[in-house]
N, C-alpha and C. Protein backbone atom coordinates (compact mmCIF):
# COMPACT_ATOMS: atom_id res chain seq x y z
N MET A 1 83.85 72.05 -12.96
CA MET A 1 83.65 72.07 -11.35
C MET A 1 82.18 72.40 -11.20
N ARG A 2 81.62 73.42 -11.85
CA ARG A 2 80.35 73.87 -11.67
C ARG A 2 79.43 72.75 -12.14
N THR A 3 79.58 72.14 -13.10
CA THR A 3 78.80 70.94 -13.61
C THR A 3 78.65 69.97 -12.62
N ILE A 4 79.81 69.60 -11.96
CA ILE A 4 79.77 68.55 -10.78
C ILE A 4 78.96 69.01 -9.79
N ALA A 5 79.08 70.20 -9.37
CA ALA A 5 78.30 70.77 -8.19
C ALA A 5 76.79 70.85 -8.46
N ARG A 6 76.55 71.11 -9.70
CA ARG A 6 75.01 71.09 -10.19
C ARG A 6 74.45 69.62 -10.04
N LYS A 7 75.42 68.72 -10.45
CA LYS A 7 74.91 67.35 -10.43
C LYS A 7 74.62 66.84 -8.94
N ASN A 8 75.74 67.25 -8.16
CA ASN A 8 75.45 66.87 -6.70
C ASN A 8 74.28 67.54 -5.98
N THR A 9 74.05 68.74 -6.38
CA THR A 9 72.83 69.48 -5.89
C THR A 9 71.46 68.77 -6.22
N ALA A 10 71.46 68.32 -7.62
CA ALA A 10 70.31 67.64 -8.17
C ALA A 10 69.99 66.41 -7.42
N VAL A 11 71.16 65.66 -7.12
CA VAL A 11 71.08 64.36 -6.55
C VAL A 11 70.68 64.54 -5.03
N ALA A 12 71.15 65.72 -4.48
CA ALA A 12 70.63 65.95 -3.15
C ALA A 12 69.22 66.28 -3.07
N LEU A 13 68.83 67.08 -3.94
CA LEU A 13 67.36 67.32 -3.90
C LEU A 13 66.47 66.18 -4.19
N ALA A 14 66.98 65.30 -5.02
CA ALA A 14 66.06 64.10 -5.33
C ALA A 14 65.91 63.26 -4.14
N ALA A 15 67.16 63.21 -3.36
CA ALA A 15 67.14 62.16 -2.15
C ALA A 15 66.15 62.83 -1.17
N VAL A 16 66.13 64.35 -1.07
CA VAL A 16 65.25 64.85 -0.12
C VAL A 16 63.86 64.63 -0.52
N ALA A 17 63.49 64.77 -1.71
CA ALA A 17 62.21 64.58 -2.14
C ALA A 17 61.72 63.12 -1.97
N ALA A 18 62.65 62.24 -2.12
CA ALA A 18 62.32 60.83 -1.89
C ALA A 18 62.00 60.40 -0.39
N LEU A 19 63.02 61.21 0.50
CA LEU A 19 62.82 60.98 1.81
C LEU A 19 61.48 61.41 2.31
N SER A 20 61.03 62.78 1.80
CA SER A 20 59.89 63.38 2.09
C SER A 20 58.62 62.51 1.70
N LEU A 21 58.62 61.81 0.56
CA LEU A 21 57.59 60.81 0.11
C LEU A 21 57.55 59.72 1.06
N SER A 22 58.60 59.22 1.42
CA SER A 22 58.69 57.98 2.38
C SER A 22 58.05 58.34 3.69
N LEU A 23 58.35 59.53 4.11
CA LEU A 23 57.82 59.93 5.46
C LEU A 23 56.37 60.09 5.52
N THR A 24 55.79 60.70 4.37
CA THR A 24 54.42 60.94 4.05
C THR A 24 53.74 59.59 4.18
N ALA A 25 54.29 58.61 3.46
CA ALA A 25 53.60 57.27 3.32
C ALA A 25 53.61 56.58 4.67
N CYS A 26 54.60 56.75 5.37
CA CYS A 26 54.70 56.20 6.75
C CYS A 26 53.56 56.72 7.59
N ASN A 27 53.50 58.09 7.58
CA ASN A 27 52.48 58.76 8.49
C ASN A 27 51.04 58.27 7.99
N SER A 28 50.87 58.11 6.76
CA SER A 28 49.59 57.65 6.37
C SER A 28 49.25 56.27 6.80
N GLY A 29 50.21 55.35 6.75
CA GLY A 29 50.00 53.97 7.11
C GLY A 29 49.71 53.83 8.75
N ASP A 30 50.56 54.60 9.55
CA ASP A 30 50.54 54.42 10.96
C ASP A 30 49.17 54.94 11.54
N GLY A 31 48.56 55.84 10.81
CA GLY A 31 47.37 56.46 11.45
C GLY A 31 46.32 55.37 11.52
N SER A 32 45.94 55.02 12.77
CA SER A 32 44.90 53.93 13.03
C SER A 32 43.56 54.45 12.74
N ASP A 33 43.45 55.71 12.47
CA ASP A 33 42.02 56.27 12.16
C ASP A 33 41.71 56.22 10.59
N GLY A 34 42.75 55.64 9.84
CA GLY A 34 42.65 55.73 8.44
C GLY A 34 41.78 54.44 7.93
N SER A 35 41.84 54.27 6.53
CA SER A 35 40.99 53.36 5.84
C SER A 35 41.36 51.89 6.39
N ASP A 36 42.65 51.60 6.49
CA ASP A 36 43.14 50.32 6.96
C ASP A 36 42.56 49.90 8.37
N GLY A 37 42.45 50.94 9.33
CA GLY A 37 41.85 50.68 10.53
C GLY A 37 40.32 50.29 10.42
N GLY A 38 39.69 51.05 9.54
CA GLY A 38 38.32 50.98 9.25
C GLY A 38 38.05 49.52 8.80
N ASP A 39 38.86 49.09 7.83
CA ASP A 39 38.69 47.65 7.32
C ASP A 39 38.88 46.61 8.33
N LYS A 40 39.73 46.86 9.29
CA LYS A 40 39.93 45.87 10.43
C LYS A 40 38.72 45.81 11.28
N ALA A 41 38.21 47.10 11.56
CA ALA A 41 37.08 47.05 12.56
C ALA A 41 35.97 46.38 11.71
N SER A 42 35.71 46.76 10.35
CA SER A 42 34.66 46.09 9.67
C SER A 42 34.80 44.69 9.73
N GLY A 43 36.05 44.12 9.52
CA GLY A 43 36.23 42.67 9.60
C GLY A 43 35.83 42.09 10.98
N SER A 44 36.02 42.70 12.12
CA SER A 44 35.72 42.35 13.39
C SER A 44 34.30 42.24 13.66
N SER A 45 33.67 43.35 13.04
CA SER A 45 32.18 43.41 13.31
C SER A 45 31.39 42.19 12.46
N SER A 46 32.08 41.87 11.27
CA SER A 46 31.48 40.97 10.34
C SER A 46 31.65 39.54 11.16
N GLY A 47 32.76 39.41 11.82
CA GLY A 47 32.96 38.17 12.53
C GLY A 47 31.98 37.97 13.70
N ASP A 48 31.81 38.99 14.53
CA ASP A 48 30.82 39.13 15.55
C ASP A 48 29.24 38.76 15.02
N SER A 49 28.88 39.41 13.83
CA SER A 49 27.75 39.18 13.34
C SER A 49 27.47 37.84 12.93
N SER A 50 28.55 37.20 12.38
CA SER A 50 28.48 35.78 11.99
C SER A 50 28.22 34.85 13.22
N SER A 51 28.93 35.09 14.35
CA SER A 51 28.76 34.37 15.55
C SER A 51 27.33 34.51 16.14
N GLY A 52 26.90 35.86 16.01
CA GLY A 52 25.46 36.09 16.53
C GLY A 52 24.46 35.28 15.62
N ASP A 53 24.64 35.24 14.38
CA ASP A 53 23.80 34.45 13.58
C ASP A 53 23.61 33.00 14.08
N LYS A 54 24.90 32.42 14.36
CA LYS A 54 24.82 31.15 14.67
C LYS A 54 24.16 30.97 15.92
N THR A 55 24.30 31.78 17.05
CA THR A 55 23.68 31.62 18.32
C THR A 55 22.12 31.78 18.04
N ALA A 56 21.68 32.68 17.37
CA ALA A 56 20.27 32.89 17.10
C ALA A 56 19.69 31.54 16.32
N THR A 57 20.42 30.95 15.57
CA THR A 57 19.91 29.77 14.81
C THR A 57 19.80 28.69 15.95
N ALA A 58 20.77 28.64 16.79
CA ALA A 58 20.80 27.50 17.82
C ALA A 58 19.66 27.62 18.62
N LEU A 59 19.35 28.91 19.27
CA LEU A 59 18.27 29.08 20.15
C LEU A 59 16.94 28.82 19.38
N GLY A 60 16.86 29.30 18.09
CA GLY A 60 15.57 28.93 17.36
C GLY A 60 15.34 27.55 17.17
N GLY A 61 16.37 26.78 16.94
CA GLY A 61 16.30 25.25 16.79
C GLY A 61 15.85 24.64 18.17
N SER A 62 16.26 25.08 19.23
CA SER A 62 15.82 24.62 20.57
C SER A 62 14.40 24.87 20.92
N GLY A 63 14.10 26.22 20.46
CA GLY A 63 12.70 26.60 20.76
C GLY A 63 11.83 25.76 19.77
N GLY A 64 12.16 25.59 18.63
CA GLY A 64 11.38 24.75 17.69
C GLY A 64 11.18 23.32 18.24
N SER A 65 12.19 22.87 18.83
CA SER A 65 12.15 21.44 19.38
C SER A 65 11.26 21.51 20.54
N GLY A 66 11.23 22.57 21.35
CA GLY A 66 10.36 22.51 22.38
C GLY A 66 8.79 22.70 21.94
N GLY A 67 8.60 23.49 21.03
CA GLY A 67 7.19 23.55 20.48
C GLY A 67 6.77 22.22 19.96
N SER A 68 7.79 21.51 19.36
CA SER A 68 7.26 20.32 18.78
C SER A 68 6.84 19.39 19.91
N ASP A 69 7.68 19.37 21.04
CA ASP A 69 7.33 18.54 22.27
C ASP A 69 5.98 18.83 22.73
N ASP A 70 5.64 20.26 22.79
CA ASP A 70 4.39 20.66 23.30
C ASP A 70 3.15 20.15 22.45
N SER A 71 3.43 20.40 21.30
CA SER A 71 2.34 20.21 20.16
C SER A 71 1.97 18.76 20.14
N ASP A 72 2.87 17.83 20.23
CA ASP A 72 2.55 16.47 20.13
C ASP A 72 1.86 15.75 21.50
N GLY A 73 1.74 16.56 22.55
CA GLY A 73 1.11 16.24 23.62
C GLY A 73 1.84 15.18 24.62
N SER A 74 3.21 15.31 24.35
CA SER A 74 4.08 14.39 25.20
C SER A 74 4.21 14.79 26.69
N ASP A 75 3.66 15.80 27.02
CA ASP A 75 3.58 16.32 28.47
C ASP A 75 2.25 15.67 29.16
N GLY A 76 1.50 15.10 28.49
CA GLY A 76 0.34 14.46 29.26
C GLY A 76 -1.04 14.95 28.70
N SER A 77 -1.09 15.74 27.74
CA SER A 77 -2.38 16.36 27.26
C SER A 77 -3.14 15.23 26.61
N ASP A 78 -2.40 14.31 25.99
CA ASP A 78 -3.11 13.27 25.30
C ASP A 78 -2.85 11.90 25.92
N GLY A 79 -2.16 11.99 27.12
CA GLY A 79 -1.71 10.60 27.69
C GLY A 79 -2.61 10.32 28.82
N SER A 80 -2.26 9.31 29.46
CA SER A 80 -3.10 8.59 30.45
C SER A 80 -3.27 9.48 31.74
N GLY A 81 -2.47 10.44 32.03
CA GLY A 81 -2.51 11.36 33.18
C GLY A 81 -3.73 12.24 33.15
N GLY A 82 -3.87 12.82 31.92
CA GLY A 82 -5.06 13.75 31.80
C GLY A 82 -6.32 13.18 31.17
N GLY A 83 -6.03 12.02 30.42
CA GLY A 83 -7.35 11.50 29.74
C GLY A 83 -7.93 10.52 30.38
N GLU A 84 -7.43 9.80 31.42
CA GLU A 84 -8.16 8.76 32.00
C GLU A 84 -9.14 9.28 33.10
N ALA A 85 -10.31 8.68 33.23
CA ALA A 85 -11.35 9.03 34.22
C ALA A 85 -10.89 8.59 35.56
N ALA A 86 -11.48 9.25 36.63
CA ALA A 86 -11.16 8.77 37.95
C ALA A 86 -11.81 7.41 38.14
N PRO A 87 -11.24 6.64 39.07
CA PRO A 87 -11.81 5.31 39.23
C PRO A 87 -13.35 5.49 39.68
N ALA A 88 -14.15 4.75 39.20
CA ALA A 88 -15.66 4.80 39.48
C ALA A 88 -15.91 4.26 40.96
N GLY A 89 -16.88 5.12 41.67
CA GLY A 89 -17.19 4.67 42.98
C GLY A 89 -18.51 3.95 42.90
N ASP A 90 -19.40 4.34 43.82
CA ASP A 90 -20.82 3.55 43.81
C ASP A 90 -21.53 4.12 42.53
N GLY A 91 -22.19 3.22 41.88
CA GLY A 91 -23.03 3.51 40.76
C GLY A 91 -24.27 4.36 41.26
N ASP A 92 -24.88 5.07 40.24
CA ASP A 92 -26.05 5.77 40.64
C ASP A 92 -27.14 4.86 40.81
N CYS A 93 -28.02 5.14 41.86
CA CYS A 93 -29.24 4.39 41.92
C CYS A 93 -30.24 4.84 40.72
N THR A 94 -30.80 3.89 40.15
CA THR A 94 -31.71 4.13 39.01
C THR A 94 -33.08 3.53 39.23
N LEU A 95 -34.02 4.02 38.39
CA LEU A 95 -35.34 3.53 38.65
C LEU A 95 -35.45 1.94 38.31
N ALA A 96 -34.38 1.51 37.39
CA ALA A 96 -34.54 0.06 37.02
C ALA A 96 -34.12 -0.80 38.13
N THR A 97 -33.46 -0.28 39.16
CA THR A 97 -33.01 -1.26 40.16
C THR A 97 -33.50 -0.83 41.57
N ALA A 98 -34.38 0.28 41.52
CA ALA A 98 -34.92 0.76 42.83
C ALA A 98 -36.37 0.91 42.94
N LYS A 99 -36.93 0.60 44.04
CA LYS A 99 -38.38 0.84 44.28
C LYS A 99 -38.67 2.06 45.06
N ILE A 100 -39.58 2.89 44.66
CA ILE A 100 -40.00 4.04 45.28
C ILE A 100 -41.33 4.13 45.76
N SER A 101 -41.60 4.54 46.92
CA SER A 101 -42.92 4.39 47.53
C SER A 101 -43.13 5.51 48.47
N LEU A 102 -44.31 5.89 48.76
CA LEU A 102 -44.81 6.79 49.89
C LEU A 102 -45.33 6.01 51.00
N ASP A 103 -44.73 6.24 52.33
CA ASP A 103 -45.18 5.56 53.33
C ASP A 103 -45.59 6.49 54.54
N GLU A 104 -46.69 6.07 55.26
CA GLU A 104 -46.99 6.76 56.53
C GLU A 104 -45.91 6.64 57.53
N THR A 105 -45.95 7.57 58.45
CA THR A 105 -44.98 7.44 59.54
C THR A 105 -45.50 6.87 60.73
N GLY A 106 -46.76 6.72 60.91
CA GLY A 106 -47.44 6.24 62.08
C GLY A 106 -47.59 7.33 63.27
N GLY A 107 -46.79 8.42 63.06
CA GLY A 107 -46.96 9.51 64.12
C GLY A 107 -48.08 10.43 63.97
N SER A 108 -48.20 11.31 64.79
CA SER A 108 -49.17 12.38 64.85
C SER A 108 -48.81 13.65 63.96
N ALA A 109 -47.44 13.65 63.58
CA ALA A 109 -47.08 14.87 62.77
C ALA A 109 -47.60 14.82 61.37
N PRO A 110 -48.03 15.91 60.64
CA PRO A 110 -48.39 15.69 59.40
C PRO A 110 -47.28 15.66 58.33
N VAL A 111 -46.85 14.46 58.17
CA VAL A 111 -45.64 14.15 57.46
C VAL A 111 -45.67 12.73 56.94
N VAL A 112 -45.24 12.45 55.62
CA VAL A 112 -44.99 11.21 55.10
C VAL A 112 -43.58 10.96 54.57
N LEU A 113 -43.19 9.74 54.42
CA LEU A 113 -41.84 9.49 53.93
C LEU A 113 -41.87 8.96 52.46
N LEU A 114 -40.87 9.57 51.62
CA LEU A 114 -40.67 9.06 50.41
C LEU A 114 -39.47 8.01 50.57
N LYS A 115 -39.65 6.83 50.15
CA LYS A 115 -38.67 5.80 50.44
C LYS A 115 -38.15 5.06 49.14
N LEU A 116 -36.85 5.06 49.05
CA LEU A 116 -36.21 4.50 47.92
C LEU A 116 -35.46 3.23 48.51
N THR A 117 -35.76 2.06 47.89
CA THR A 117 -35.16 0.89 48.25
C THR A 117 -34.21 0.23 47.26
N ASN A 118 -33.10 -0.16 47.40
CA ASN A 118 -32.17 -0.69 46.43
C ASN A 118 -32.45 -2.09 46.26
N ASN A 119 -32.97 -2.35 45.10
CA ASN A 119 -33.21 -3.82 44.80
C ASN A 119 -32.09 -4.44 43.96
N GLY A 120 -31.03 -3.73 43.78
CA GLY A 120 -30.01 -4.32 42.88
C GLY A 120 -28.99 -5.11 43.79
N ASP A 121 -28.03 -5.67 43.22
CA ASP A 121 -27.00 -6.45 43.94
C ASP A 121 -25.71 -5.58 44.32
N LYS A 122 -25.79 -4.27 43.92
CA LYS A 122 -24.63 -3.53 44.42
C LYS A 122 -24.99 -2.27 45.06
N ARG A 123 -24.18 -1.65 45.91
CA ARG A 123 -24.44 -0.47 46.46
C ARG A 123 -24.44 0.70 45.39
N CYS A 124 -25.56 1.58 45.66
CA CYS A 124 -25.74 2.71 44.77
C CYS A 124 -25.84 3.99 45.43
N SER A 125 -25.75 5.07 44.96
CA SER A 125 -25.85 6.33 45.48
C SER A 125 -26.97 7.37 45.06
N VAL A 126 -27.65 8.01 45.98
CA VAL A 126 -28.50 9.04 45.51
C VAL A 126 -27.99 10.43 45.83
N TYR A 127 -28.40 11.36 44.96
CA TYR A 127 -27.76 12.68 45.04
C TYR A 127 -28.96 13.70 45.33
N GLY A 128 -28.43 14.70 46.14
CA GLY A 128 -29.50 15.88 46.43
C GLY A 128 -30.77 15.45 46.92
N ALA A 129 -31.76 16.10 46.48
CA ALA A 129 -33.12 15.81 46.87
C ALA A 129 -33.87 15.22 45.70
N PRO A 130 -34.80 14.49 45.80
CA PRO A 130 -35.68 13.89 44.63
C PRO A 130 -36.57 14.96 44.15
N PHE A 131 -36.74 15.00 42.76
CA PHE A 131 -37.78 15.86 42.05
C PHE A 131 -39.07 15.33 42.33
N PHE A 132 -39.80 15.89 43.16
CA PHE A 132 -41.17 15.35 43.44
C PHE A 132 -42.21 16.23 42.79
N SER A 133 -42.84 15.71 41.78
CA SER A 133 -43.76 16.52 41.02
C SER A 133 -45.21 16.33 41.54
N ASP A 134 -45.85 17.42 41.75
CA ASP A 134 -47.21 17.36 42.11
C ASP A 134 -48.17 17.94 40.98
N PRO A 135 -48.70 16.98 40.27
CA PRO A 135 -49.49 17.37 39.16
C PRO A 135 -50.55 18.18 39.42
N THR A 136 -51.22 18.25 40.52
CA THR A 136 -52.41 19.08 40.89
C THR A 136 -52.01 20.55 41.00
N ALA A 137 -50.72 20.78 41.61
CA ALA A 137 -50.24 22.12 41.69
C ALA A 137 -49.47 22.46 40.33
N GLY A 138 -49.08 21.52 39.54
CA GLY A 138 -48.43 21.77 38.35
C GLY A 138 -47.02 22.25 38.46
N LYS A 139 -46.35 21.65 39.57
CA LYS A 139 -44.95 22.08 39.77
C LYS A 139 -44.24 21.12 40.64
N ASN A 140 -42.93 21.08 40.77
CA ASN A 140 -42.28 20.23 41.69
C ASN A 140 -42.40 20.80 43.17
N LEU A 141 -42.37 20.05 44.06
CA LEU A 141 -42.37 20.55 45.56
C LEU A 141 -41.16 21.17 45.84
N PRO A 142 -41.02 22.30 46.51
CA PRO A 142 -39.82 22.92 46.78
C PRO A 142 -39.07 22.13 47.89
N VAL A 143 -37.70 22.47 47.82
CA VAL A 143 -36.87 21.53 48.78
C VAL A 143 -36.50 22.29 49.92
N ALA A 144 -36.53 21.58 51.11
CA ALA A 144 -36.24 22.23 52.35
C ALA A 144 -34.66 22.38 52.40
N GLU A 145 -33.94 23.42 52.11
CA GLU A 145 -32.58 23.63 51.89
C GLU A 145 -31.82 23.20 53.12
N ASP A 146 -32.29 23.44 54.31
CA ASP A 146 -31.49 23.20 55.60
C ASP A 146 -31.44 21.77 55.93
N THR A 147 -31.81 20.74 55.03
CA THR A 147 -31.78 19.44 55.33
C THR A 147 -30.74 18.76 54.62
N GLN A 148 -29.93 19.48 53.75
CA GLN A 148 -28.81 18.90 52.95
C GLN A 148 -27.89 18.12 53.78
N PRO A 149 -27.64 16.82 53.48
CA PRO A 149 -26.69 16.00 54.27
C PRO A 149 -25.21 16.51 53.96
N GLN A 150 -24.26 16.07 54.80
CA GLN A 150 -22.85 16.44 54.62
C GLN A 150 -22.15 15.73 53.49
N SER A 151 -22.77 14.57 53.03
CA SER A 151 -22.08 13.80 52.01
C SER A 151 -23.19 12.98 51.16
N VAL A 152 -22.83 12.36 50.05
CA VAL A 152 -23.83 11.63 49.14
C VAL A 152 -24.25 10.46 49.90
N VAL A 153 -25.43 10.15 49.72
CA VAL A 153 -26.13 9.05 50.50
C VAL A 153 -25.90 7.77 49.75
N GLY A 154 -25.20 6.77 50.35
CA GLY A 154 -25.01 5.47 49.56
C GLY A 154 -25.98 4.54 50.23
N VAL A 155 -26.57 3.60 49.33
CA VAL A 155 -27.66 2.72 49.72
C VAL A 155 -27.16 1.31 49.42
N GLU A 156 -27.01 0.50 50.41
CA GLU A 156 -26.47 -0.92 50.23
C GLU A 156 -27.78 -1.77 49.58
N PRO A 157 -27.34 -2.87 48.99
CA PRO A 157 -28.51 -3.73 48.57
C PRO A 157 -29.46 -4.04 49.63
N GLY A 158 -30.73 -4.03 49.31
CA GLY A 158 -31.85 -4.27 50.37
C GLY A 158 -32.13 -3.16 51.32
N GLN A 159 -31.26 -2.19 51.27
CA GLN A 159 -31.46 -1.07 52.21
C GLN A 159 -32.20 0.15 51.49
N SER A 160 -32.51 1.24 52.15
CA SER A 160 -33.28 2.28 51.67
C SER A 160 -32.61 3.63 52.14
N ALA A 161 -32.99 4.69 51.32
CA ALA A 161 -32.83 6.16 51.57
C ALA A 161 -34.18 6.69 51.70
N TYR A 162 -34.18 7.85 52.49
CA TYR A 162 -35.47 8.38 52.71
C TYR A 162 -35.58 9.95 52.62
N ALA A 163 -36.62 10.49 52.22
CA ALA A 163 -36.93 11.91 52.13
C ALA A 163 -38.21 12.14 52.68
N SER A 164 -38.54 13.21 53.57
CA SER A 164 -39.88 13.40 54.07
C SER A 164 -40.48 14.51 53.47
N ILE A 165 -41.73 14.52 53.62
CA ILE A 165 -42.65 15.63 52.93
C ILE A 165 -43.60 15.94 53.99
N ASN A 166 -43.50 17.23 54.27
CA ASN A 166 -44.44 17.84 55.29
C ASN A 166 -45.70 18.31 54.63
N LEU A 167 -46.87 17.85 55.31
CA LEU A 167 -48.26 18.18 54.89
C LEU A 167 -48.78 19.42 55.55
N ALA A 168 -49.85 19.78 54.97
CA ALA A 168 -50.67 20.84 55.62
C ALA A 168 -51.41 20.21 56.81
N ALA A 169 -51.48 21.05 57.85
CA ALA A 169 -52.06 20.47 58.92
C ALA A 169 -53.65 20.35 58.97
N LYS A 170 -54.26 21.19 58.04
CA LYS A 170 -55.62 21.12 57.95
C LYS A 170 -56.06 21.87 56.72
N ASP A 171 -57.36 21.42 56.32
CA ASP A 171 -57.98 22.06 55.00
C ASP A 171 -58.05 23.57 55.19
N SER A 172 -57.59 24.32 54.12
CA SER A 172 -57.87 25.72 54.14
C SER A 172 -57.88 26.20 52.58
N GLY A 173 -58.21 27.48 52.46
CA GLY A 173 -58.12 27.95 51.02
C GLY A 173 -56.87 27.73 50.39
N ASP A 174 -55.79 27.51 51.04
CA ASP A 174 -54.47 27.45 50.41
C ASP A 174 -54.17 25.92 50.11
N THR A 175 -55.04 24.92 50.60
CA THR A 175 -54.57 23.60 50.45
C THR A 175 -55.19 22.86 49.30
N HIS A 176 -54.60 21.76 48.87
CA HIS A 176 -55.06 20.92 47.84
C HIS A 176 -54.72 19.45 48.17
N ARG A 177 -55.42 18.50 47.50
CA ARG A 177 -55.09 17.15 47.67
C ARG A 177 -54.51 16.60 46.35
N THR A 178 -53.55 15.70 46.47
CA THR A 178 -52.90 14.86 45.29
C THR A 178 -52.83 13.47 45.73
N LYS A 179 -53.30 12.60 44.68
CA LYS A 179 -53.15 11.13 44.97
C LYS A 179 -51.93 10.48 44.36
N THR A 180 -51.55 10.91 43.15
CA THR A 180 -50.44 10.31 42.62
C THR A 180 -49.48 11.34 42.19
N PHE A 181 -48.04 10.97 42.47
CA PHE A 181 -46.97 11.88 42.22
C PHE A 181 -46.00 11.35 41.26
N ASN A 182 -45.22 12.13 40.62
CA ASN A 182 -44.09 11.60 39.68
C ASN A 182 -42.80 11.88 40.36
N VAL A 183 -41.90 10.94 40.53
CA VAL A 183 -40.58 11.29 41.13
C VAL A 183 -39.48 10.97 40.20
N THR A 184 -38.66 11.80 40.03
CA THR A 184 -37.37 11.78 39.23
C THR A 184 -36.16 11.81 40.13
N LEU A 185 -35.25 11.00 39.93
CA LEU A 185 -33.93 10.98 40.76
C LEU A 185 -33.03 11.92 40.06
N GLY A 186 -32.26 12.50 41.01
CA GLY A 186 -31.31 13.53 40.75
C GLY A 186 -29.99 12.86 40.34
N ALA A 187 -29.20 13.50 39.47
CA ALA A 187 -27.94 13.08 39.00
C ALA A 187 -26.91 13.84 39.80
N SER A 188 -25.66 13.39 39.65
CA SER A 188 -24.48 14.13 40.39
C SER A 188 -24.38 15.51 40.01
N ASP A 189 -24.66 15.86 38.85
CA ASP A 189 -24.60 17.30 38.36
C ASP A 189 -25.82 18.14 38.81
N GLY A 190 -26.76 17.77 39.59
CA GLY A 190 -27.86 18.34 40.01
C GLY A 190 -29.00 18.32 39.19
N LYS A 191 -28.87 17.81 37.93
CA LYS A 191 -29.97 17.69 36.98
C LYS A 191 -30.71 16.43 37.32
N GLY A 192 -32.00 16.28 36.75
CA GLY A 192 -32.86 15.11 36.81
C GLY A 192 -32.34 14.09 35.81
N THR A 193 -32.59 12.82 36.22
CA THR A 193 -32.21 11.68 35.20
C THR A 193 -33.43 11.40 34.40
N ASP A 194 -33.16 10.57 33.34
CA ASP A 194 -34.26 10.39 32.39
C ASP A 194 -35.39 9.41 33.11
N GLY A 195 -36.48 9.77 32.78
CA GLY A 195 -37.58 8.81 33.28
C GLY A 195 -38.10 9.28 34.70
N HIS A 196 -39.27 8.83 35.08
CA HIS A 196 -39.77 9.09 36.47
C HIS A 196 -40.64 7.90 36.88
N ALA A 197 -40.85 7.73 38.17
CA ALA A 197 -41.57 6.74 38.78
C ALA A 197 -43.08 7.41 39.32
N SER A 198 -44.07 6.79 39.20
CA SER A 198 -45.25 7.17 39.72
C SER A 198 -45.62 6.45 40.93
N VAL A 199 -45.88 7.28 42.11
CA VAL A 199 -46.20 6.82 43.28
C VAL A 199 -47.55 7.25 43.84
N ASP A 200 -48.29 6.42 44.56
CA ASP A 200 -49.47 6.78 45.01
C ASP A 200 -49.34 7.22 46.50
N SER A 201 -50.43 7.98 46.93
CA SER A 201 -50.36 8.43 48.38
C SER A 201 -50.78 7.08 49.08
N PRO A 202 -50.35 7.09 50.45
CA PRO A 202 -50.74 5.94 51.25
C PRO A 202 -52.20 5.98 51.62
N GLY A 203 -52.85 7.01 51.64
CA GLY A 203 -54.36 6.91 51.94
C GLY A 203 -55.12 7.26 50.67
N PRO A 204 -56.43 6.88 50.66
CA PRO A 204 -57.37 7.07 49.54
C PRO A 204 -57.63 8.48 49.27
N ALA A 205 -57.50 9.28 50.13
CA ALA A 205 -57.83 10.65 50.03
C ALA A 205 -56.92 11.61 49.31
N GLY A 206 -55.56 11.01 49.36
CA GLY A 206 -54.41 11.69 48.71
C GLY A 206 -53.69 12.67 49.76
N LEU A 207 -52.64 13.23 49.51
CA LEU A 207 -51.90 14.03 50.49
C LEU A 207 -52.43 15.38 50.40
N LEU A 208 -52.59 15.95 51.66
CA LEU A 208 -52.95 17.27 51.90
C LEU A 208 -51.94 18.27 51.85
N LEU A 209 -51.74 19.17 50.76
CA LEU A 209 -50.54 19.98 50.73
C LEU A 209 -50.93 21.47 50.67
N ASP A 210 -49.97 22.26 51.03
CA ASP A 210 -50.23 23.73 50.82
C ASP A 210 -48.89 24.41 50.39
N SER A 211 -48.97 25.67 50.37
CA SER A 211 -47.65 26.46 49.79
C SER A 211 -46.49 26.36 50.74
N SER A 212 -46.65 25.85 51.93
CA SER A 212 -45.53 25.67 52.85
C SER A 212 -44.91 24.24 52.74
N SER A 213 -45.48 23.41 52.04
CA SER A 213 -45.04 22.01 51.97
C SER A 213 -43.67 21.98 51.23
N ARG A 214 -42.80 21.05 51.83
CA ARG A 214 -41.53 20.97 51.37
C ARG A 214 -41.12 19.49 51.38
N ILE A 215 -40.10 19.18 50.54
CA ILE A 215 -39.42 17.81 50.57
C ILE A 215 -37.96 17.91 50.92
N THR A 216 -37.49 16.97 51.77
CA THR A 216 -36.11 16.99 52.22
C THR A 216 -35.23 16.43 51.18
N TYR A 217 -33.88 16.60 51.53
CA TYR A 217 -32.87 15.95 50.80
C TYR A 217 -32.94 14.43 51.19
N TRP A 218 -32.37 13.45 50.42
CA TRP A 218 -32.30 12.23 50.81
C TRP A 218 -31.46 12.06 52.04
N GLN A 219 -31.83 11.22 52.85
CA GLN A 219 -31.15 10.89 54.11
C GLN A 219 -30.90 9.33 54.19
N SER A 220 -29.86 8.98 55.11
CA SER A 220 -29.63 7.60 55.21
C SER A 220 -30.54 6.78 56.08
N THR A 221 -31.53 7.46 56.97
CA THR A 221 -32.33 6.82 57.91
C THR A 221 -33.66 7.62 57.80
N SER A 222 -34.75 6.94 58.28
CA SER A 222 -35.89 7.67 58.35
C SER A 222 -35.95 8.63 59.57
N GLU A 223 -35.10 8.38 60.53
CA GLU A 223 -35.08 9.23 61.65
C GLU A 223 -34.44 10.61 61.20
N ASP A 224 -33.33 10.53 60.32
CA ASP A 224 -32.58 11.65 59.91
C ASP A 224 -33.67 12.54 58.99
N ALA A 225 -34.39 11.73 58.21
CA ALA A 225 -35.48 12.45 57.32
C ALA A 225 -36.64 13.25 58.09
N LEU A 226 -36.78 12.62 59.19
CA LEU A 226 -37.90 13.23 59.90
C LEU A 226 -37.52 14.42 60.89
N THR A 227 -36.19 14.58 61.13
CA THR A 227 -35.81 15.57 62.15
C THR A 227 -35.53 16.93 61.32
């Protein structure tokens, strides 16, 4: 009887031990803070990272395509929109197609006219004021800035543009005479063109000039040049 009781007790103790181990294992597996939970979180993070890498690659590819579009000039940097010059207007008046002379006005005022006549077959334009070189003084005559016209002066074939030169009223210690002058036409950028024309004064004595003498901008009529 005692032997049987001992066997039953041993069996009961073994069952309790087995149950205890089972409960311990269950508690360890249910704990979401354990290693299994960490593995799941790590797997989720890995999936997000992979998705993020794909998104970055797609954006990088789009950006690269945009860079390629910009670099090949398809937006117009090499195209007709930016490369073509504006349609040409009047040609510049040149010494090859224009005659330049100094003319008396016939009035009592001490002034003469510089006259440019278009001998070409097309309308041309003169810019700013002529460069009127006085060899005796060794410099260009200053420009009367208050005579600047509102627009470029166009000259039709056979027509003329005018600039006036005010002279000294009488001889003095500040005056000098010059018989021949050099005239250079101005370009649209304000600089002088290549070459010059030599023009003689209308009288044998030469023009009487002083430090106050000025030349005007080109004007469309002699009346505008003299006012």
